[in-house]
C-alpha atoms as a PDB file:
ATOM      1  CA  MET A   1       0.291  23.746   6.957  1.00  0.00           C
ATOM      2  CA  GLN A   2      -2.852  24.997   8.683  1.00  0.00           C
ATOM      3  CA  THR A   3      -3.797  21.474   9.664  1.00  0.00           C
ATOM      4  CA  ALA A   4      -0.293  20.616  10.871  1.00  0.00           C
ATOM      5  CA  GLU A   5      -0.054  23.761  12.972  1.00  0.00           C
ATOM      6  CA  THR A   6      -3.452  23.205  14.595  1.00  0.00           C
ATOM      7  CA  LEU A   7      -2.815  19.525  15.285  1.00  0.00           C
ATOM      8  CA  LYS A   8       0.580  20.239  16.796  1.00  0.00           C
ATOM      9  CA  HIS A   9      -0.927  22.831  19.139  1.00  0.00           C
ATOM     10  CA  VAL A  10      -3.810  20.533  20.189  1.00  0.00           C
ATOM     11  CA  CYS A  11      -1.656  17.445  20.664  1.00  0.00           C
ATOM     12  CA  SER A  12       1.033  19.370  22.564  1.00  0.00           C
ATOM     13  CA  GLU A  13      -1.624  20.716  24.902  1.00  0.00           C
ATOM     14  CA  LEU A  14      -3.078  17.245  25.467  1.00  0.00           C
ATOM     15  CA  GLY A  15       0.257  15.435  25.714  1.00  0.00           C
ATOM     16  CA  ILE A  16      -0.330  13.235  22.651  1.00  0.00           C
ATOM     17  CA  LYS A  17       2.488  12.013  20.407  1.00  0.00           C
ATOM     18  CA  LEU A  18       1.585  13.188  16.902  1.00  0.00           C
ATOM     19  CA  TYR A  19       2.676  11.768  13.556  1.00  0.00           C
ATOM     20  CA  PHE A  20       1.546  13.991  10.694  1.00  0.00           C
ATOM     21  CA  LYS A  21       0.170  12.048   7.738  1.00  0.00           C
ATOM     22  CA  SER A  22      -0.608  13.313   4.280  1.00  0.00           C
ATOM     23  CA  SER A  23      -0.416  11.723   0.837  1.00  0.00           C
ATOM     24  CA  TYR A  24       1.453  12.850  -2.269  1.00  0.00           C
ATOM     25  CA  ASP A  25      -0.609  10.405  -4.343  1.00  0.00           C
ATOM     26  CA  LYS A  26      -3.878   8.533  -3.924  1.00  0.00           C
ATOM     27  CA  ALA A  27      -3.303   5.736  -6.413  1.00  0.00           C
ATOM     28  CA  ASN A  28      -5.855   3.227  -5.115  1.00  0.00           C
ATOM     29  CA  ARG A  29      -9.088   4.967  -6.051  1.00  0.00           C
ATOM     30  CA  THR A  30     -12.135   3.365  -7.646  1.00  0.00           C
ATOM     31  CA  SER A  31     -12.632   6.239 -10.075  1.00  0.00           C
ATOM     32  CA  ASN A  32     -10.245   8.709 -11.658  1.00  0.00           C
ATOM     33  CA  SER A  33     -10.672  11.334  -8.945  1.00  0.00           C
ATOM     34  CA  GLY A  34      -8.027  13.722  -7.652  1.00  0.00           C
ATOM     35  CA  ARG A  35      -4.784  11.930  -6.875  1.00  0.00           C
ATOM     36  CA  GLY A  36      -2.539  14.550  -5.333  1.00  0.00           C
ATOM     37  CA  VAL A  37       0.436  16.724  -6.186  1.00  0.00           C
ATOM     38  CA  GLY A  38       2.854  13.888  -7.007  1.00  0.00           C
ATOM     39  CA  LEU A  39       5.972  12.493  -5.362  1.00  0.00           C
ATOM     40  CA  GLU A  40       8.438  15.353  -5.780  1.00  0.00           C
ATOM     41  CA  GLU A  41       6.135  18.209  -4.783  1.00  0.00           C
ATOM     42  CA  GLY A  42       4.467  16.107  -2.086  1.00  0.00           C
ATOM     43  CA  LEU A  43       7.754  15.282  -0.410  1.00  0.00           C
ATOM     44  CA  ARG A  44       8.791  18.939  -0.596  1.00  0.00           C
ATOM     45  CA  ILE A  45       5.637  19.945   1.274  1.00  0.00           C
ATOM     46  CA  LEU A  46       6.027  17.175   3.853  1.00  0.00           C
ATOM     47  CA  GLN A  47       9.634  18.234   4.433  1.00  0.00           C
ATOM     48  CA  GLU A  48       8.400  21.783   4.987  1.00  0.00           C
ATOM     49  CA  VAL A  49       5.905  20.520   7.580  1.00  0.00           C
ATOM     50  CA  LYS A  50       8.701  18.580   9.263  1.00  0.00           C
ATOM     51  CA  ASP A  51      11.087  21.541   9.301  1.00  0.00           C
ATOM     52  CA  GLN A  52       8.590  24.165  10.409  1.00  0.00           C
ATOM     53  CA  PHE A  53       6.734  22.195  13.076  1.00  0.00           C
ATOM     54  CA  GLY A  54       9.205  19.497  14.060  1.00  0.00           C
ATOM     55  CA  LEU A  55       6.688  16.736  13.428  1.00  0.00           C
ATOM     56  CA  PRO A  56       7.518  13.163  12.412  1.00  0.00           C
ATOM     57  CA  ILE A  57       5.975  12.326   9.041  1.00  0.00           C
ATOM     58  CA  LEU A  58       3.936   9.333   7.878  1.00  0.00           C
ATOM     59  CA  THR A  59       2.933   8.819   4.253  1.00  0.00           C
ATOM     60  CA  ASP A  60       1.836   6.064   1.876  1.00  0.00           C
ATOM     61  CA  VAL A  61       3.984   4.240  -0.631  1.00  0.00           C
ATOM     62  CA  HIS A  62       2.378   2.455  -3.557  1.00  0.00           C
ATOM     63  CA  GLU A  63       5.327   1.093  -5.504  1.00  0.00           C
ATOM     64  CA  SER A  64       8.652  -0.387  -4.454  1.00  0.00           C
ATOM     65  CA  TRP A  65      10.767   2.304  -6.129  1.00  0.00           C
ATOM     66  CA  GLN A  66       9.052   5.023  -4.066  1.00  0.00           C
ATOM     67  CA  CYS A  67      10.312   3.699  -0.738  1.00  0.00           C
ATOM     68  CA  ALA A  68      13.879   5.008  -0.863  1.00  0.00           C
ATOM     69  CA  PRO A  69      13.073   8.628  -1.800  1.00  0.00           C
ATOM     70  CA  VAL A  70      10.095   8.720   0.573  1.00  0.00           C
ATOM     71  CA  ALA A  71      12.285   7.459   3.427  1.00  0.00           C
ATOM     72  CA  GLU A  72      14.504  10.533   3.021  1.00  0.00           C
ATOM     73  CA  VAL A  73      11.602  12.576   4.407  1.00  0.00           C
ATOM     74  CA  ALA A  74       9.153  10.243   6.139  1.00  0.00           C
ATOM     75  CA  ASP A  75       9.664   8.573   9.501  1.00  0.00           C
ATOM     76  CA  VAL A  76       6.925   6.007   8.840  1.00  0.00           C
ATOM     77  CA  LEU A  77       6.180   4.346   5.495  1.00  0.00           C
ATOM     78  CA  GLN A  78       2.577   3.219   5.241  1.00  0.00           C
ATOM     79  CA  ILE A  79       1.495   0.221   3.180  1.00  0.00           C
ATOM     80  CA  PRO A  80      -2.071   0.781   1.897  1.00  0.00           C
ATOM     81  CA  ALA A  81      -4.610  -1.877   2.824  1.00  0.00           C
ATOM     82  CA  PHE A  82      -5.081  -3.046  -0.760  1.00  0.00           C
ATOM     83  CA  LEU A  83      -1.313  -3.649  -1.020  1.00  0.00           C
ATOM     84  CA  CYS A  84      -0.672  -5.341   2.331  1.00  0.00           C
ATOM     85  CA  ARG A  85       0.304  -8.644   0.685  1.00  0.00           C
ATOM     86  CA  GLN A  86       2.666  -7.158  -1.924  1.00  0.00           C
ATOM     87  CA  THR A  87       5.994  -8.783  -1.093  1.00  0.00           C
ATOM     88  CA  ASP A  88       8.262  -6.422  -3.045  1.00  0.00           C
ATOM     89  CA  LEU A  89       6.599  -3.335  -1.581  1.00  0.00           C
ATOM     90  CA  LEU A  90       6.699  -4.620   1.999  1.00  0.00           C
ATOM     91  CA  GLN A  91      10.351  -5.555   1.734  1.00  0.00           C
ATOM     92  CA  ALA A  92      11.413  -2.364  -0.026  1.00  0.00           C
ATOM     93  CA  ALA A  93       9.800  -0.397   2.796  1.00  0.00           C
ATOM     94  CA  ALA A  94      11.503  -2.555   5.414  1.00  0.00           C
ATOM     95  CA  ARG A  95      14.936  -2.059   3.814  1.00  0.00           C
ATOM     96  CA  THR A  96      14.721   1.688   4.483  1.00  0.00           C
ATOM     97  CA  CYS A  97      14.987   0.887   8.221  1.00  0.00           C
ATOM     98  CA  LYS A  98      12.052   3.187   8.867  1.00  0.00           C
ATOM     99  CA  ILE A  99       8.865   2.189  10.694  1.00  0.00           C
ATOM    100  CA  VAL A 100       6.518   0.281   8.367  1.00  0.00           C
ATOM    101  CA  ASN A 101       2.820   0.757   9.090  1.00  0.00           C
ATOM    102  CA  VAL A 102       0.863  -2.032   7.411  1.00  0.00           C
ATOM    103  CA  LYS A 103      -2.843  -1.450   7.011  1.00  0.00           C
ATOM    104  CA  LYS A 104      -4.782  -4.701   7.249  1.00  0.00           C
ATOM    105  CA  GLY A 105      -6.675  -5.331   4.033  1.00  0.00           C
ATOM    106  CA  GLN A 106     -10.450  -5.127   4.129  1.00  0.00           C
ATOM    107  CA  PHE A 107     -10.378  -8.696   2.815  1.00  0.00           C
ATOM    108  CA  MET A 108      -7.932 -10.034   5.438  1.00  0.00           C
ATOM    109  CA  ALA A 109      -8.424 -11.876   8.711  1.00  0.00           C
ATOM    110  CA  PRO A 110      -6.264 -10.387  11.468  1.00  0.00           C
ATOM    111  CA  TRP A 111      -4.239 -13.578  11.906  1.00  0.00           C
ATOM    112  CA  ASP A 112      -3.395 -13.523   8.204  1.00  0.00           C
ATOM    113  CA  MET A 113      -1.217 -10.478   8.857  1.00  0.00           C
ATOM    114  CA  ALA A 114       1.432 -12.952   9.979  1.00  0.00           C
ATOM    115  CA  GLY A 115       2.427 -13.216   6.323  1.00  0.00           C
ATOM    116  CA  ALA A 116       3.100  -9.489   5.979  1.00  0.00           C
ATOM    117  CA  ILE A 117       5.088  -9.489   9.198  1.00  0.00           C
ATOM    118  CA  ASP A 118       7.190 -12.442   8.073  1.00  0.00           C
ATOM    119  CA  LYS A 119       7.982 -10.760   4.765  1.00  0.00           C
ATOM    120  CA  ILE A 120       9.213  -7.643   6.556  1.00  0.00           C
ATOM    121  CA  LYS A 121      11.247  -9.605   9.079  1.00  0.00           C
ATOM    122  CA  ALA A 122      12.832 -11.682   6.288  1.00  0.00           C
ATOM    123  CA  VAL A 123      14.842  -8.635   5.166  1.00  0.00           C
ATOM    124  CA  GLY A 124      15.691  -7.454   8.664  1.00  0.00           C
ATOM    125  CA  GLY A 125      12.707  -5.196   9.302  1.00  0.00           C
ATOM    126  CA  SER A 126      11.738  -4.946  12.954  1.00  0.00           C
ATOM    127  CA  GLN A 127       9.827  -1.668  13.308  1.00  0.00           C
ATOM    128  CA  ILE A 128       6.291  -2.672  12.402  1.00  0.00           C
ATOM    129  CA  TRP A 129       2.894  -1.141  13.113  1.00  0.00           C
ATOM    130  CA  LEU A 130      -0.381  -2.903  12.309  1.00  0.00           C
ATOM    131  CA  THR A 131      -3.477  -0.863  11.481  1.00  0.00           C
ATOM    132  CA  GLU A 132      -7.097  -2.021  11.582  1.00  0.00           C
ATOM    133  CA  ARG A 133      -9.339  -0.129   9.141  1.00  0.00           C
ATOM    134  CA  GLY A 134     -12.489  -2.236   8.925  1.00  0.00           C
ATOM    135  CA  SER A 135     -13.531  -5.261   6.899  1.00  0.00           C
ATOM    136  CA  SER A 136     -15.711  -5.553   3.802  1.00  0.00           C
ATOM    137  CA  PHE A 137     -19.305  -6.434   4.626  1.00  0.00           C
ATOM    138  CA  GLY A 138     -21.077  -6.789   1.326  1.00  0.00           C
ATOM    139  CA  TYR A 139     -20.995  -4.047  -1.287  1.00  0.00           C
ATOM    140  CA  GLY A 140     -20.452  -0.480  -0.118  1.00  0.00           C
ATOM    141  CA  ARG A 141     -20.091  -1.248   3.557  1.00  0.00           C
ATOM    142  CA  LEU A 142     -17.344  -1.803   6.122  1.00  0.00           C
ATOM    143  CA  VAL A 143     -17.676  -3.163   9.632  1.00  0.00           C
ATOM    144  CA  VAL A 144     -15.167  -3.260  12.472  1.00  0.00           C
ATOM    145  CA  ASP A 145     -14.669  -6.485  14.375  1.00  0.00           C
ATOM    146  CA  MET A 146     -13.214  -5.268  17.668  1.00  0.00           C
ATOM    147  CA  SER A 147     -11.846  -8.727  18.402  1.00  0.00           C
ATOM    148  CA  SER A 148      -9.491  -8.098  15.477  1.00  0.00           C
ATOM    149  CA  LEU A 149      -7.631  -5.613  17.698  1.00  0.00           C
ATOM    150  CA  VAL A 150      -7.071  -8.348  20.278  1.00  0.00           C
ATOM    151  CA  GLU A 151      -5.858 -10.743  17.590  1.00  0.00           C
ATOM    152  CA  LEU A 152      -3.460  -8.175  16.133  1.00  0.00           C
ATOM    153  CA  ARG A 153      -1.961  -7.475  19.552  1.00  0.00           C
ATOM    154  CA  ARG A 154      -0.883 -11.115  19.756  1.00  0.00           C
ATOM    155  CA  PHE A 155       1.861 -10.265  17.253  1.00  0.00           C
ATOM    156  CA  GLU A 156       3.356  -7.934  19.897  1.00  0.00           C
ATOM    157  CA  TYR A 157       3.711  -4.953  17.587  1.00  0.00           C
ATOM    158  CA  PRO A 158       1.956  -1.599  18.053  1.00  0.00           C
ATOM    159  CA  VAL A 159      -1.677  -1.713  16.921  1.00  0.00           C
ATOM    160  CA  ILE A 160      -3.319   1.362  15.420  1.00  0.00           C
ATOM    161  CA  PHE A 161      -7.044   1.888  14.870  1.00  0.00           C
ATOM    162  CA  ASP A 162      -8.001   3.878  11.787  1.00  0.00           C
ATOM    163  CA  ALA A 163     -11.229   5.467  12.949  1.00  0.00           C
ATOM    164  CA  THR A 164     -11.978   7.424   9.778  1.00  0.00           C
ATOM    165  CA  HIS A 165     -11.342   4.865   7.038  1.00  0.00           C
ATOM    166  CA  SER A 166     -13.393   2.396   9.082  1.00  0.00           C
ATOM    167  CA  VAL A 167     -16.532   4.475   8.461  1.00  0.00           C
ATOM    168  CA  GLN A 168     -16.077   4.559   4.697  1.00  0.00           C
ATOM    169  CA  GLN A 169     -18.845   3.403   2.386  1.00  0.00           C
ATOM    170  CA  PRO A 170     -16.837   2.366  -0.687  1.00  0.00           C
ATOM    171  CA  SER A 171     -18.158   3.341  -4.119  1.00  0.00           C
ATOM    172  CA  THR A 172     -21.551   4.446  -2.822  1.00  0.00           C
ATOM    173  CA  SER A 173     -21.533   7.965  -4.214  1.00  0.00           C
ATOM    174  CA  ALA A 174     -21.276   7.941  -8.028  1.00  0.00           C
ATOM    175  CA  GLY A 175     -18.069   5.944  -7.946  1.00  0.00           C
ATOM    176  CA  VAL A 176     -16.601   7.967  -5.092  1.00  0.00           C
ATOM    177  CA  THR A 177     -16.184   6.643  -1.556  1.00  0.00           C
ATOM    178  CA  GLY A 178     -18.908   7.745   0.798  1.00  0.00           C
ATOM    179  CA  GLY A 179     -18.861   7.585   4.572  1.00  0.00           C
ATOM    180  CA  ASN A 180     -20.345   8.710   7.868  1.00  0.00           C
ATOM    181  CA  ARG A 181     -18.081  10.879  10.003  1.00  0.00           C
ATOM    182  CA  ASP A 182     -20.644  10.843  12.839  1.00  0.00           C
ATOM    183  CA  MET A 183     -19.600   7.252  13.552  1.00  0.00           C
ATOM    184  CA  VAL A 184     -15.904   8.091  14.003  1.00  0.00           C
ATOM    185  CA  PRO A 185     -16.026   8.990  17.730  1.00  0.00           C
ATOM    186  CA  PRO A 186     -18.094   5.928  18.778  1.00  0.00           C
ATOM    187  CA  LEU A 187     -15.811   3.508  16.939  1.00  0.00           C
ATOM    188  CA  MET A 188     -12.733   5.259  18.280  1.00  0.00           C
ATOM    189  CA  ARG A 189     -14.029   4.971  21.833  1.00  0.00           C
ATOM    190  CA  ALA A 190     -14.802   1.286  21.338  1.00  0.00           C
ATOM    191  CA  ALA A 191     -11.289   0.597  20.026  1.00  0.00           C
ATOM    192  CA  LEU A 192      -9.695   2.464  22.907  1.00  0.00           C
ATOM    193  CA  ALA A 193     -11.795   0.482  25.364  1.00  0.00           C
ATOM    194  CA  VAL A 194     -10.441  -2.739  23.823  1.00  0.00           C
ATOM    195  CA  GLY A 195      -6.910  -1.353  23.791  1.00  0.00           C
ATOM    196  CA  VAL A 196      -4.805   0.156  21.001  1.00  0.00           C
ATOM    197  CA  ASP A 197      -1.490   1.976  20.802  1.00  0.00           C
ATOM    198  CA  GLY A 198      -2.603   4.753  18.520  1.00  0.00           C
ATOM    199  CA  ILE A 199      -5.471   6.341  16.629  1.00  0.00           C
ATOM    200  CA  PHE A 200      -5.421   7.285  12.950  1.00  0.00           C
ATOM    201  CA  LEU A 201      -7.703  10.221  12.138  1.00  0.00           C
ATOM    202  CA  GLU A 202      -8.246  12.057   8.872  1.00  0.00           C
ATOM    203  CA  VAL A 203      -8.980  15.705   9.606  1.00  0.00           C
ATOM    204  CA  HIS A 204      -9.666  18.667   7.341  1.00  0.00           C
ATOM    205  CA  PRO A 205     -10.513  22.343   7.903  1.00  0.00           C
ATOM    206  CA  ALA A 206     -13.515  21.950   5.556  1.00  0.00           C
ATOM    207  CA  PRO A 207     -14.222  18.247   4.866  1.00  0.00           C
ATOM    208  CA  GLU A 208     -16.921  18.979   2.306  1.00  0.00           C
ATOM    209  CA  LYS A 209     -14.193  20.533   0.129  1.00  0.00           C
ATOM    210  CA  ALA A 210     -11.697  17.693   0.570  1.00  0.00           C
ATOM    211  CA  ILE A 211     -10.413  16.083  -2.621  1.00  0.00           C
ATOM    212  CA  SER A 212     -10.265  12.655  -0.985  1.00  0.00           C
ATOM    213  CA  ASP A 213     -12.518  10.915   1.561  1.00  0.00           C
ATOM    214  CA  ALA A 214     -14.652  14.004   2.140  1.00  0.00           C
ATOM    215  CA  ALA A 215     -17.529  12.092   3.748  1.00  0.00           C
ATOM    216  CA  ASN A 216     -15.549  10.502   6.560  1.00  0.00           C
ATOM    217  CA  GLN A 217     -13.046  13.201   7.494  1.00  0.00           C
ATOM    218  CA  VAL A 218     -13.301  14.860  10.898  1.00  0.00           C
ATOM    219  CA  ARG A 219     -13.566  18.635  11.067  1.00  0.00           C
ATOM    220  CA  LEU A 220     -10.357  20.223  12.279  1.00  0.00           C
ATOM    221  CA  SER A 221     -12.376  22.427  14.640  1.00  0.00           C
ATOM    222  CA  GLU A 222     -13.737  19.319  16.396  1.00  0.00           C
ATOM    223  CA  VAL A 223     -10.541  17.304  16.737  1.00  0.00           C
ATOM    224  CA  LYS A 224      -9.602  18.601  20.197  1.00  0.00           C
ATOM    225  CA  GLN A 225     -12.873  17.421  21.727  1.00  0.00           C
ATOM    226  CA  ILE A 226     -12.509  14.033  20.033  1.00  0.00           C
ATOM    227  CA  LEU A 227      -8.948  13.611  21.302  1.00  0.00           C
ATOM    228  CA  GLU A 228      -9.964  14.643  24.823  1.00  0.00           C
ATOM    229  CA  GLN A 229     -12.447  11.763  24.752  1.00  0.00           C
ATOM    230  CA  ALA A 230      -9.713   9.476  23.466  1.00  0.00           C
ATOM    231  CA  ILE A 231      -7.479  10.298  26.417  1.00  0.00           C
ATOM    232  CA  GLU A 232     -10.274   9.606  28.897  1.00  0.00           C
ATOM    233  CA  TYR A 233     -11.101   6.218  27.387  1.00  0.00           C
ATOM    234  CA  ASP A 234      -7.454   5.237  27.104  1.00  0.00           C
ATOM    235  CA  PHE A 235      -6.840   6.165  30.749  1.00  0.00           C
ATOM    236  CA  LEU A 236      -9.905   4.227  31.913  1.00  0.00           C
ATOM    237  CA  ARG A 237      -8.888   1.118  29.991  1.00  0.00           C
ATOM    238  CA  LYS A 238      -5.354   1.223  31.342  1.00  0.00           C
ATOM    239  CA  SER A 239      -6.581   1.789  34.906  1.00  0.00           C
ATOM    240  CA  GLN A 240      -8.771  -1.317  34.645  1.00  0.00           C
ATOM    241  CA  ALA A 241      -6.269  -3.465  32.744  1.00  0.00           C
ATOM    242  CA  ASN A 242      -5.471  -5.717  35.695  1.00  0.00           C
ATOM    243  CA  ILE A 243      -9.092  -6.343  36.717  1.00  0.00           C
END
């Protein structure tokens, strides 16, 4: 609730459309680390965020049966990167008629996302977002190919850049994902210079205490400055778009 309240205030001040994302379960972890509060309690909390702050909600789904109950609360159903080729999950999410945000797998070429799109469209889904979150580059390392953003835009759906998951260092810290939050702003600026429709940021009041992705989360106290930079880069790119 603290994070939602702060983000709403910052984004309202800066004129940014905010979707609040949090997870009731983190089922795709390398080790048996903290997973979350579970579906029922998680959805209750997300509904409270929605009611109190009037924010649209985005959250992950991991199994097909979760899509219907999650869609009663969430405005966007997110398909985790590791599950972006799972036909049943993609189509169950699409059948809710909510926006489906598909994270491109670390193992996927951007043009291969055509398959995920086709699966969603096959059951009448039309509200699709595509999210770039880095590609595997050997063990324990991700890199971001900025040309991937250009390729994804060819599908003519909104393209999101996940600036915090892109700086992960998978399984580099005793079986727990490491990362480098200092690289979040530079990668975000690069993506905005190329051109994206949205930015995905993990933020936390005290990242070192976060149960998940502690090493790559942005400090809540720093998010306003980061978003101010985002606006400047987005404006510059749009002003030069026809040159």
